[in-house]
Protein backbone atom coordinates (compact mmCIF):
# COMPACT_ATOMS: atom_id res chain seq x y z
CA MET A 1 108.66 -56.13 64.35
CA ALA A 2 108.75 -58.18 67.54
CA ARG A 3 108.01 -61.84 67.06
CA LEU A 4 104.59 -63.03 68.04
CA PHE A 5 103.56 -66.37 69.47
CA LEU A 6 99.98 -67.44 68.85
CA ARG A 7 98.48 -70.63 70.23
CA SER A 8 95.96 -72.23 67.92
CA SER A 9 95.08 -75.61 66.55
CA PHE A 10 95.60 -75.18 62.87
CA ILE A 11 98.24 -73.59 60.63
CA TRP A 12 98.54 -70.55 62.89
CA GLY A 13 99.56 -72.67 65.85
CA ALA A 14 103.08 -72.93 67.22
CA MET A 15 104.39 -70.38 64.72
CA LEU A 16 106.97 -67.71 65.36
CA ILE A 17 106.28 -65.12 62.70
CA SER A 18 107.46 -61.73 61.56
CA LYS A 19 105.91 -59.15 59.27
CA SER A 20 105.03 -60.86 56.00
CA SER A 21 105.24 -59.49 52.49
CA ALA A 22 102.43 -57.54 50.92
CA SER A 23 99.11 -59.19 50.18
CA PRO A 24 98.27 -59.98 46.54
CA THR A 25 97.04 -57.07 44.45
CA TYR A 26 93.27 -56.85 44.46
CA THR A 27 91.88 -55.84 41.07
CA ASN A 28 88.17 -56.14 41.90
CA LYS A 29 87.90 -53.03 44.05
CA PHE A 30 84.41 -51.54 44.50
CA SER A 31 82.83 -54.22 42.30
CA VAL A 32 81.25 -56.43 44.99
CA ALA A 33 78.27 -55.20 47.00
CA LEU A 34 78.56 -54.72 50.74
CA PRO A 35 77.16 -57.81 52.50
CA ILE A 36 74.77 -57.16 55.40
CA PRO A 37 74.89 -59.75 58.20
CA PRO A 38 71.53 -61.42 58.83
CA GLU A 39 69.78 -61.05 62.17
CA LEU A 40 69.97 -64.05 64.49
CA PRO A 41 66.52 -65.54 65.18
CA ILE A 42 65.12 -66.15 68.66
CA LEU A 43 64.73 -69.91 69.16
CA ALA A 44 62.79 -69.92 72.43
CA THR A 45 61.33 -67.50 74.98
CA TYR A 46 60.45 -67.96 78.63
CA THR A 47 58.13 -65.48 80.31
CA PRO A 48 58.13 -65.91 84.10
CA PRO A 49 55.20 -65.05 86.38
CA SER A 50 57.14 -61.92 87.37
CA GLY A 51 60.30 -60.29 86.11
CA ASN A 52 61.68 -59.82 82.61
CA PRO A 53 61.22 -62.36 79.81
CA VAL A 54 64.32 -64.17 78.59
CA ASP A 55 65.03 -65.13 74.96
CA PHE A 56 67.26 -67.96 73.77
CA TYR A 57 69.71 -67.70 70.88
CA GLU A 58 72.34 -70.11 69.58
CA ILE A 59 75.58 -69.58 67.69
CA THR A 60 78.06 -72.19 66.45
CA ILE A 61 81.73 -71.52 65.76
CA THR A 62 82.18 -73.06 62.32
CA PRO A 63 84.98 -73.18 59.71
CA PHE A 64 84.02 -71.89 56.27
CA THR A 65 85.61 -70.59 53.09
CA LYS A 66 85.08 -67.30 51.28
CA GLN A 67 86.20 -66.35 47.78
CA LEU A 68 87.94 -63.02 48.43
CA TRP A 69 90.24 -62.91 45.38
CA PRO A 70 88.51 -63.98 42.15
CA ASP A 71 91.70 -65.55 40.79
CA LEU A 72 93.09 -67.18 43.97
CA ASN A 73 92.05 -69.98 46.28
CA ALA A 74 89.12 -69.43 48.60
CA THR A 75 90.23 -68.21 52.03
CA THR A 76 89.63 -70.48 55.03
CA LEU A 77 87.99 -68.66 57.94
CA VAL A 78 86.34 -69.67 61.22
CA GLY A 79 83.29 -67.63 62.17
CA TYR A 80 80.04 -67.58 64.07
CA ASN A 81 77.48 -69.68 62.16
CA GLY A 82 80.03 -69.97 59.36
CA MET A 83 80.06 -66.30 58.40
CA TYR A 84 81.95 -63.08 59.07
CA PRO A 85 80.79 -60.90 60.61
CA GLY A 86 78.61 -63.23 62.61
CA PRO A 87 74.85 -62.77 62.56
CA THR A 88 73.62 -59.59 64.20
CA ILE A 89 71.85 -60.05 67.51
CA ARG A 90 69.09 -57.49 67.96
CA ALA A 91 67.95 -57.31 71.57
CA THR A 92 65.46 -55.08 73.37
CA ARG A 93 66.08 -53.32 76.64
CA GLY A 94 64.31 -55.18 79.42
CA ARG A 95 64.43 -58.58 77.69
CA GLU A 96 67.24 -60.77 78.96
CA ILE A 97 68.87 -63.36 76.73
CA VAL A 98 70.70 -66.64 77.03
CA LEU A 99 73.17 -67.12 74.19
CA ARG A 100 74.47 -70.64 73.67
CA LEU A 101 77.91 -70.76 72.05
CA ILE A 102 78.88 -74.11 70.51
CA ASN A 103 82.51 -74.68 69.58
CA LYS A 104 82.88 -76.60 66.32
CA GLY A 105 85.87 -74.52 65.29
CA ASP A 106 89.60 -75.17 65.40
CA SER A 107 90.70 -73.55 68.68
CA THR A 108 89.75 -72.91 72.27
CA ALA A 109 87.14 -70.16 72.58
CA SER A 110 85.51 -67.77 75.01
CA LEU A 111 82.84 -65.14 74.35
CA HIS A 112 82.72 -61.52 75.49
CA LEU A 113 79.73 -59.25 74.93
CA HIS A 114 81.69 -56.04 74.59
CA GLY A 115 79.87 -53.10 76.15
CA SER A 116 77.51 -55.08 78.36
CA ALA A 117 77.51 -54.82 82.15
CA THR A 118 77.30 -58.58 82.64
CA VAL A 119 77.86 -60.52 85.87
CA ALA A 120 81.36 -62.01 86.04
CA PRO A 121 80.69 -65.69 85.14
CA PHE A 122 79.22 -64.67 81.77
CA ASP A 123 81.54 -61.78 80.89
CA GLY A 124 83.96 -63.86 78.83
CA TRP A 125 86.87 -64.32 81.23
CA ALA A 126 89.94 -65.08 79.13
CA SER A 127 90.70 -68.35 80.95
CA ASP A 128 87.08 -69.54 80.95
CA THR A 129 87.52 -71.33 77.65
CA MET A 130 85.75 -74.17 75.91
CA VAL A 131 87.55 -76.70 73.75
CA VAL A 132 86.24 -77.95 70.42
CA GLY A 133 83.14 -80.04 71.07
CA GLN A 134 81.95 -78.05 74.08
CA PHE A 135 79.36 -75.32 74.60
CA LYS A 136 78.56 -72.67 77.18
CA ASP A 137 75.42 -70.66 77.88
CA TYR A 138 75.98 -66.93 78.45
CA TYR A 139 73.36 -64.92 80.34
CA TYR A 140 73.02 -61.24 79.41
CA PRO A 141 70.93 -58.55 81.16
CA ASN A 142 70.12 -55.94 78.47
CA PHE A 143 69.27 -53.37 81.14
CA GLN A 144 71.39 -50.59 79.64
CA GLU A 145 70.16 -47.83 77.37
CA SER A 146 70.32 -48.42 73.62
CA ARG A 147 73.77 -48.91 72.13
CA THR A 148 75.76 -50.81 69.54
CA LEU A 149 77.73 -53.57 71.22
CA TRP A 150 79.66 -56.41 69.68
CA TYR A 151 80.40 -59.98 70.62
CA HIS A 152 83.78 -61.53 69.99
CA ASP A 153 86.22 -64.17 71.12
CA HIS A 154 88.19 -63.52 74.30
CA ALA A 155 90.23 -66.72 74.79
CA HIS A 156 93.60 -66.18 76.45
CA MET A 157 96.47 -65.84 73.97
CA VAL A 158 94.38 -66.77 70.90
CA THR A 159 92.00 -63.81 70.77
CA ALA A 160 93.82 -62.13 67.88
CA SER A 161 93.85 -65.23 65.69
CA ASN A 162 90.24 -66.15 66.51
CA VAL A 163 88.94 -62.65 65.81
CA GLN A 164 90.99 -62.27 62.63
CA LYS A 165 89.62 -65.58 61.38
CA GLY A 166 86.09 -64.28 61.86
CA GLN A 167 84.82 -64.62 65.42
CA ALA A 168 83.10 -61.25 65.81
CA GLY A 169 79.60 -59.91 65.29
CA LEU A 170 77.34 -56.98 66.18
CA TYR A 171 74.84 -56.91 69.04
CA ILE A 172 72.37 -54.03 68.83
CA LEU A 173 70.47 -53.14 71.98
CA ASP A 174 67.33 -51.13 71.25
CA ASP A 175 65.47 -49.04 73.80
CA PRO A 176 61.95 -48.11 72.61
CA ALA A 177 62.07 -45.09 74.93
CA GLU A 178 64.93 -43.62 72.88
CA ASP A 179 63.34 -42.84 69.54
CA TYR A 180 64.93 -39.79 67.96
CA GLY A 181 63.57 -40.30 64.46
CA LEU A 182 66.89 -41.53 63.07
CA PRO A 183 67.08 -43.74 59.97
CA THR A 184 65.86 -47.31 60.48
CA GLY A 185 65.45 -50.53 58.52
CA LYS A 186 67.37 -50.58 55.25
CA TYR A 187 68.74 -47.12 56.06
CA ASP A 188 70.41 -48.37 59.26
CA ILE A 189 73.58 -50.12 58.08
CA PRO A 190 76.37 -51.85 60.05
CA LEU A 191 79.95 -51.27 58.88
CA VAL A 192 82.49 -53.62 60.49
CA LEU A 193 85.98 -52.53 59.41
CA ALA A 194 89.10 -54.68 59.61
CA SER A 195 92.54 -54.93 58.06
CA LYS A 196 94.33 -58.22 57.44
CA GLN A 197 97.24 -59.80 55.62
CA TYR A 198 97.09 -62.61 53.03
CA ASN A 199 99.72 -64.72 51.30
CA THR A 200 100.11 -65.27 47.57
CA THR A 201 97.49 -68.04 47.52
CA GLY A 202 94.86 -65.99 49.34
CA ALA A 203 95.35 -67.61 52.75
CA LEU A 204 94.90 -65.42 55.83
CA MET A 205 98.15 -64.72 57.69
CA PRO A 206 98.49 -64.29 61.49
CA THR A 207 100.05 -60.86 61.18
CA SER A 208 99.42 -57.61 63.00
CA GLY A 209 98.56 -54.50 61.03
CA GLY A 210 97.50 -55.89 57.70
CA ASP A 211 97.42 -54.14 54.33
CA THR A 212 93.99 -55.22 53.07
CA ILE A 213 90.80 -53.55 54.29
CA ASP A 214 87.51 -55.39 54.46
CA VAL A 215 84.11 -54.05 55.43
CA ASN A 216 81.57 -56.60 56.65
CA GLY A 217 84.03 -59.25 55.49
CA GLN A 218 84.24 -58.05 51.88
CA LEU A 219 87.39 -56.48 50.45
CA TRP A 220 86.71 -52.89 49.33
CA PRO A 221 82.95 -53.21 48.71
CA TYR A 222 80.41 -50.75 47.38
CA LEU A 223 76.96 -49.86 48.69
CA ASP A 224 74.07 -48.51 46.65
CA VAL A 225 72.37 -45.71 48.58
CA GLU A 226 69.47 -43.37 47.96
CA PRO A 227 69.88 -39.56 48.08
CA ARG A 228 68.73 -39.29 51.70
CA LYS A 229 70.01 -39.78 55.25
CA TYR A 230 71.57 -43.06 56.39
CA ARG A 231 72.67 -44.26 59.79
CA PHE A 232 75.93 -46.21 59.83
CA ARG A 233 76.96 -48.22 62.90
CA ILE A 234 80.74 -48.36 62.57
CA LEU A 235 82.83 -50.91 64.45
CA ASN A 236 86.58 -51.06 64.19
CA GLY A 237 86.86 -54.85 64.29
CA ALA A 238 90.53 -54.89 63.31
CA ALA A 239 92.92 -56.77 65.55
CA SER A 240 95.58 -54.07 65.40
CA ARG A 241 94.82 -51.03 63.24
CA GLN A 242 93.11 -47.72 63.92
CA PHE A 243 91.41 -45.67 61.21
CA GLN A 244 90.80 -41.99 60.60
CA LEU A 245 87.67 -42.05 58.48
CA GLN A 246 86.84 -39.31 56.00
CA LEU A 247 84.31 -39.19 53.18
CA TYR A 248 85.10 -37.73 49.74
CA VAL A 249 83.23 -37.25 46.48
CA GLY A 250 84.51 -39.38 43.61
CA ASP A 251 88.27 -39.72 43.44
CA THR A 252 88.97 -36.36 45.07
CA ILE A 253 90.94 -36.04 48.29
CA THR A 254 90.02 -32.44 49.05
CA ASP A 255 86.93 -30.96 50.72
CA PRO A 256 85.77 -33.92 52.80
CA VAL A 257 82.03 -34.37 53.26
CA ALA A 258 80.66 -33.51 56.70
CA PHE A 259 78.61 -36.00 58.69
CA GLN A 260 77.11 -36.16 62.17
CA VAL A 261 78.26 -38.45 64.98
CA VAL A 262 75.27 -39.37 67.15
CA ALA A 263 76.47 -42.26 69.32
CA SER A 264 79.63 -43.88 70.66
CA ASP A 265 80.48 -47.07 72.55
CA SER A 266 77.92 -46.48 75.29
CA GLY A 267 75.13 -45.27 73.06
CA TYR A 268 73.66 -41.90 72.20
CA MET A 269 75.54 -38.70 72.88
CA THR A 270 74.07 -35.56 74.39
CA GLY A 271 73.62 -34.27 70.85
CA PRO A 272 74.99 -34.73 67.34
CA VAL A 273 78.57 -33.69 66.64
CA GLN A 274 79.34 -32.56 63.11
CA THR A 275 82.77 -33.47 61.79
CA THR A 276 84.64 -34.34 58.61
CA SER A 277 87.02 -36.78 60.29
CA LEU A 278 86.48 -39.62 62.76
CA THR A 279 89.33 -41.49 64.44
CA ILE A 280 88.27 -44.95 65.57
CA SER A 281 90.57 -47.41 67.31
CA MET A 282 90.28 -51.15 67.74
CA GLY A 283 87.01 -52.17 69.37
CA GLU A 284 85.45 -48.69 69.32
CA ARG A 285 81.99 -48.08 67.90
CA TYR A 286 80.57 -44.86 66.53
CA GLU A 287 77.22 -44.22 64.88
CA ILE A 288 77.08 -41.55 62.21
CA ILE A 289 74.41 -39.95 60.05
CA VAL A 290 75.40 -39.27 56.43
CA ASP A 291 73.08 -37.26 54.20
CA PHE A 292 73.50 -38.18 50.51
CA ALA A 293 70.74 -35.78 49.38
CA ASN A 294 73.13 -33.46 47.54
CA TYR A 295 74.96 -36.23 45.67
CA HIS A 296 72.44 -37.63 43.17
CA ASN A 297 74.07 -40.08 40.73
CA GLN A 298 77.54 -39.56 42.21
CA THR A 299 79.96 -41.81 44.06
CA LEU A 300 81.64 -41.16 47.40
CA LYS A 301 84.55 -43.00 48.99
CA LEU A 302 85.15 -43.72 52.64
CA ARG A 303 88.88 -43.18 53.12
CA ASN A 304 91.44 -43.71 55.88
CA ALA A 305 93.54 -40.59 56.35
CA LEU A 306 96.01 -42.36 58.66
CA ALA A 307 97.30 -44.35 55.69
CA GLY A 308 97.43 -41.39 53.33
CA LEU A 309 94.32 -40.40 51.41
CA ASP A 310 95.94 -41.33 48.10
CA SER A 311 96.84 -44.85 49.19
CA GLU A 312 95.26 -47.47 46.94
CA THR A 313 95.11 -50.04 49.75
CA LEU A 314 94.87 -48.84 53.34
CA GLY A 315 93.77 -45.37 52.27
CA GLN A 316 90.41 -46.59 50.95
CA ALA A 317 87.67 -48.59 52.66
CA MET A 318 84.53 -48.64 50.50
CA GLN A 319 82.46 -46.79 47.92
CA PHE A 320 78.94 -45.38 48.09
CA ARG A 321 76.94 -45.19 44.84
CA VAL A 322 74.19 -42.61 45.18
CA GLY A 323 71.06 -43.14 43.12
CA SER A 324 68.52 -40.62 41.89
CA ASN A 325 65.33 -41.57 43.75
CA VAL A 326 64.20 -41.85 47.36
CA THR A 327 61.84 -44.80 47.84
CA ASP A 328 60.99 -44.08 51.48
CA ASP A 329 61.26 -40.68 53.17
CA ALA A 330 60.45 -41.88 56.70
CA ASN A 331 62.97 -40.97 59.40
CA ASN A 332 64.74 -38.63 57.02
CA GLU A 333 64.35 -35.45 59.05
CA ASN A 334 67.10 -33.39 60.64
CA VAL A 335 68.79 -34.99 63.62
CA PRO A 336 67.48 -33.46 66.87
CA SER A 337 69.89 -31.01 68.49
CA SER A 338 69.52 -32.87 71.81
CA LEU A 339 69.69 -36.64 72.19
CA ARG A 340 70.36 -38.53 75.44
CA ASN A 341 70.32 -36.64 78.72
CA ILE A 342 73.64 -37.89 80.11
CA THR A 343 74.36 -37.17 83.74
CA PHE A 344 78.11 -36.82 83.65
CA LEU A 345 79.84 -37.90 86.82
CA GLU A 346 81.49 -35.51 89.22
CA ARG A 347 85.07 -35.91 90.33
CA PRO A 348 85.22 -38.11 93.42
CA ILE A 349 86.99 -37.22 96.63
CA THR A 350 89.15 -40.34 96.40
CA SER A 351 92.50 -40.10 94.65
CA SER A 352 93.05 -41.60 91.22
CA LYS A 353 94.73 -44.87 90.40
CA ASN A 354 97.53 -44.89 87.83
CA PHE A 355 97.96 -47.61 85.19
CA THR A 356 100.96 -47.60 82.87
CA PHE A 357 100.79 -49.49 79.58
CA ALA A 358 104.30 -50.39 78.41
CA PHE A 359 106.57 -52.98 76.80
CA THR A 360 108.48 -54.64 79.64
CA ASP A 361 110.81 -57.65 79.48
CA SER A 362 109.61 -58.61 76.00
CA LYS A 363 105.97 -58.49 77.10
CA TRP A 364 103.20 -55.95 76.89
CA THR A 365 102.32 -55.14 80.50
CA ILE A 366 100.11 -52.99 82.72
CA ASN A 367 102.03 -51.61 85.69
CA GLY A 368 104.65 -54.23 84.87
CA GLU A 369 102.22 -57.13 85.37
CA THR A 370 100.69 -59.66 82.99
CA PHE A 371 97.47 -61.65 82.93
CA SER A 372 99.33 -64.95 83.25
CA ASP A 373 100.75 -63.90 86.61
CA VAL A 374 97.75 -65.04 88.62
CA ASN A 375 99.29 -63.92 91.92
CA ASN A 376 99.81 -60.31 90.85
CA ARG A 377 97.35 -59.56 88.03
CA VAL A 378 94.71 -58.02 90.32
CA LEU A 379 95.97 -54.44 90.21
CA HIS A 380 93.17 -52.63 91.99
CA TYR A 381 90.36 -53.16 94.47
CA VAL A 382 87.45 -50.78 94.08
CA PRO A 383 84.40 -50.84 96.39
CA ARG A 384 81.18 -51.60 94.56
CA GLY A 385 79.37 -48.49 93.37
CA THR A 386 82.38 -46.21 93.88
CA THR A 387 83.17 -43.46 91.39
CA GLU A 388 86.89 -43.22 90.66
CA ILE A 389 89.39 -41.48 88.44
CA TRP A 390 91.80 -43.78 86.65
CA THR A 391 94.87 -42.29 85.04
CA LEU A 392 95.92 -44.24 81.94
CA ILE A 393 99.58 -43.68 81.05
CA ASN A 394 101.18 -44.71 77.78
CA GLY A 395 104.75 -45.64 78.59
CA GLY A 396 105.92 -45.72 74.99
CA PRO A 397 105.44 -44.68 71.36
CA VAL A 398 102.79 -47.29 70.44
CA VAL A 399 99.07 -46.52 70.76
CA HIS A 400 96.85 -48.57 73.08
CA PRO A 401 93.04 -48.66 72.90
CA VAL A 402 92.22 -49.39 76.54
CA HIS A 403 89.06 -51.39 77.25
CA VAL A 404 87.69 -51.60 80.79
CA HIS A 405 85.05 -54.27 81.22
CA LEU A 406 81.78 -53.59 83.10
CA VAL A 407 81.77 -49.77 83.06
CA ASP A 408 81.14 -46.72 80.89
CA MET A 409 83.87 -44.08 81.11
CA GLN A 410 84.04 -40.32 80.72
CA ILE A 411 87.25 -38.73 79.44
CA ILE A 412 88.13 -35.74 81.62
CA SER A 413 91.67 -34.85 80.48
CA ARG A 414 94.30 -35.76 77.91
CA THR A 415 97.95 -34.68 78.02
CA LYS A 416 101.09 -35.56 76.08
CA ASN A 417 104.50 -34.98 77.61
CA GLY A 418 102.81 -32.72 80.15
CA ILE A 419 101.04 -30.57 77.54
CA ALA A 420 97.23 -30.55 77.42
CA GLN A 421 95.77 -32.17 74.30
CA PRO A 422 92.27 -31.65 72.89
CA ILE A 423 89.50 -34.10 73.64
CA GLN A 424 87.63 -34.59 70.39
CA PRO A 425 84.05 -33.26 70.56
CA TYR A 426 82.69 -36.69 69.65
CA GLU A 427 84.65 -38.14 72.59
CA ALA A 428 83.40 -35.50 75.02
CA ALA A 429 79.71 -35.73 74.07
CA GLY A 430 79.22 -39.31 75.25
CA LEU A 431 80.53 -42.17 77.33
CA LYS A 432 83.04 -44.80 76.26
CA ASP A 433 84.16 -48.32 77.06
CA ILE A 434 87.38 -47.97 75.04
CA ILE A 435 89.78 -45.08 75.47
CA PHE A 436 92.18 -44.32 72.63
CA LEU A 437 95.52 -43.82 74.41
CA GLY A 438 97.90 -42.22 71.93
CA ASN A 439 101.66 -42.52 72.03
CA SER A 440 103.18 -40.94 75.16
CA GLU A 441 99.73 -39.72 76.25
CA THR A 442 98.21 -39.63 79.71
CA ILE A 443 94.42 -39.70 79.98
CA GLU A 444 92.19 -39.33 83.02
CA VAL A 445 88.88 -41.18 82.92
CA LEU A 446 85.99 -41.17 85.34
CA ALA A 447 83.74 -44.20 85.92
CA LYS A 448 81.32 -45.62 88.44
CA TYR A 449 82.17 -49.25 89.22
CA THR A 450 78.67 -50.62 89.26
CA PRO A 451 76.35 -52.51 89.36
CA TRP A 452 78.15 -55.78 90.16
CA ASP A 453 80.95 -56.88 92.42
CA GLY A 454 83.44 -59.47 91.22
CA LEU A 455 86.59 -59.85 89.13
CA TYR A 456 86.78 -58.08 85.77
CA MET A 457 89.46 -57.58 83.13
CA PHE A 458 90.90 -54.47 81.56
CA HIS A 459 93.35 -54.56 78.70
CA CYS A 460 94.69 -53.13 75.49
CA HIS A 461 92.34 -53.87 72.60
CA ASN A 462 95.17 -54.22 70.16
CA LEU A 463 94.56 -57.95 70.25
CA PHE A 464 98.20 -58.80 69.58
CA HIS A 465 99.14 -56.77 72.67
CA GLU A 466 96.34 -58.43 74.64
CA ASP A 467 97.53 -61.90 73.63
CA ARG A 468 101.05 -60.96 74.66
CA GLU A 469 99.81 -60.27 78.19
CA MET A 470 98.71 -56.59 78.23
CA MET A 471 95.71 -57.51 80.33
CA ALA A 472 95.08 -57.23 84.07
CA VAL A 473 92.26 -57.50 86.59
CA PHE A 474 90.34 -55.21 88.93
CA ASN A 475 88.24 -56.50 91.80
CA VAL A 476 84.96 -54.75 92.54
CA THR A 477 84.65 -55.57 96.22
CA ALA A 478 81.57 -56.19 98.34
CA LEU A 479 80.26 -53.40 100.57
CA GLU A 480 80.17 -53.90 104.31
CA GLY A 481 76.80 -52.75 105.60
CA PHE A 482 75.10 -52.82 102.21
CA ASN A 483 71.66 -54.10 103.13
CA TYR A 484 70.34 -54.87 99.67
CA THR A 485 69.40 -58.57 99.42
CA GLU A 486 70.63 -60.51 96.39
CA LYS A 487 69.52 -64.10 95.89
CA THR A 488 72.60 -65.12 93.90
CA ARG A 489 76.15 -63.78 94.01
CA PHE A 490 78.28 -63.74 90.88
CA ILE A 491 81.80 -62.89 91.99
CA GLN A 492 84.08 -65.49 90.41
CA PRO A 493 84.38 -65.40 86.61
CA MET A 494 85.08 -69.15 86.52
CA ASP A 495 82.23 -70.10 88.83
CA SER A 496 81.95 -73.90 88.88
CA ARG A 497 78.16 -73.66 88.58
CA TRP A 498 78.39 -72.63 84.92
CA PRO A 499 81.29 -74.46 83.25
CA PRO A 500 81.58 -75.32 79.56
CA LYS A 501 79.99 -78.69 78.81
CA GLU A 502 80.19 -81.38 76.15
CA TYR A 503 77.80 -80.58 73.32
CA ASN A 504 75.38 -83.33 72.28
CA GLY A 505 72.77 -81.26 70.51
CA THR A 506 70.19 -78.66 71.56
CA ASN A 507 66.77 -79.77 72.76
CA LEU A 508 64.57 -76.68 72.55
CA THR A 509 61.93 -78.25 74.78
CA GLU A 510 64.57 -78.67 77.48
CA VAL A 511 65.73 -75.11 76.87
CA GLN A 512 62.17 -73.82 77.22
CA ASP A 513 61.22 -75.89 80.26
CA VAL A 514 64.51 -76.18 82.16
CA THR A 515 67.40 -74.01 80.96
CA LEU A 516 65.64 -70.65 80.78
CA PRO A 517 63.63 -71.12 84.01
CA ASP A 518 66.85 -72.12 85.79
CA PHE A 519 68.56 -68.91 84.71
CA LYS A 520 65.52 -66.83 85.67
CA SER A 521 65.46 -68.47 89.11
CA LEU A 522 68.83 -66.86 89.83
CA GLU A 523 67.08 -63.46 89.90
CA ALA A 524 70.31 -62.00 88.58
CA TYR A 525 68.85 -59.06 86.68
CA ASP A 526 65.30 -58.79 88.07
CA ASP A 527 65.56 -55.53 90.05
CA MET A 528 68.10 -53.36 88.27
CA ASP A 529 66.45 -50.06 89.22
CA GLY A 530 66.22 -51.09 92.87
CA LEU A 531 69.83 -52.24 92.93
CA MET A 532 71.14 -49.04 91.35
CA ASP A 533 69.07 -46.89 93.70
CA ALA A 534 70.37 -48.84 96.70
CA LEU A 535 73.99 -48.37 95.60
CA ASP A 536 73.46 -44.65 95.05
CA ALA A 537 71.84 -44.33 98.48
CA PHE A 538 74.70 -46.22 100.13
CA HIS A 539 77.27 -43.87 98.59
CA ALA A 540 75.27 -40.69 99.19
CA PRO A 541 77.17 -38.01 101.16
CA SER A 542 74.74 -38.39 104.07
CA ASN A 543 75.98 -41.96 104.53
CA SER A 544 79.69 -41.15 104.39
CA SER A 545 80.16 -42.11 108.04
CA ARG A 546 79.21 -45.70 107.21
CA ARG A 547 82.08 -46.23 104.81
């Protein structure tokens, strides 16, 4: 394995490492209950005379320890509010939020709300980092339709170590207009999967791959379920491992149990997709409905077929223990055959742009360029509101989950060595913000580069590849003749108006009376429908002579 260099401020720092030996044997499998992250409370709300209300949340990066192995030392981690996953943020469409991130950890930090169309200064630019003792306020719009997002570290060259140590959490955006009668409350469960490596004392190692699976931070947990339908929001939060998830009764590895996929990265699909196997790469989210009604008093295992179904480590993720009684039958009906009405984009007249992901000169690159090369890392200029085809090319045998900030993408073709490959039905039925680019594959994706102009990143979401420079920039450029008036422009991701600052405590009165009104005065997200309509009108065929 190629050597990796990770910058950090504790034991991980300044280390050249290679693949370590196997983690200690875990003898407590399926004996600890699945932990459910708590929801983060709203600390303040400002309701302006006009426009959307804005809520204030706060998260602190904090070291903590967790007893993973019962007979080894507690493992030192660094997470949001001293837990992993971090607390779940539950937001509502139409209510903006300001999230204050305070760095009391052990490394530089940045924060990316993955899946949100956020203006550039608050998108988590990899170089817009805060040191220990600083904080930054991030301003999020929540104008998109309902979806499962996640927030995680995005600091240049330390993202893998920060995320592996615990800096990741779920962010659920609810849209009251999208109520399909799916399971809610205690029947709506987050599952954050990861794989990591530990040494003989139980300490976390800065190693790619990993041979130990955790779900919601617990090694091989179990979950008690009732014999009814459940909704599972699955995030692959691993730094560098993809999973092929299958569900089996007991210890069998034949006849996998079918389930329905109802949502992907960008929210609900056009309708449910029934499958017995779900491939999920790093950073991807899928929401599935599992019906346990036919499995009274039985156990089921969630397995990873990519590691071999009979594997005692990477082949198993967690266990479900089905009870005999249903305590609440609400939202336990069949999933509707139609969900979101997605208007899939049409192919544009403009030609596509090619991006090749490859290992070049001992670095992971995109079109031969790296993020550190500030003079050459902007690989493409796309006019605001334009619909384009991007062709993603894998220049080697290693898979790359490609994440493009700002936009939702539609997969329109997949080939391997010139031969057409199938697009999985659960990929085709919705939109994505991560594209699983298999070895030697070429994938065409379609996206509309809207609503903002400015500089945005795209990169491999294998975080070890990202930290070794497989990240570049696209520039959504301003439109000449676009007559929509915007009070504030947000083009530069490191805008000097919103730098990290020294943290000296949070005064909620000041937040209520000053901070939130100041953000609202920017009018950043006040007229999303009007802005989107104006962009569509500008790019309408009848206006083609203006461009």
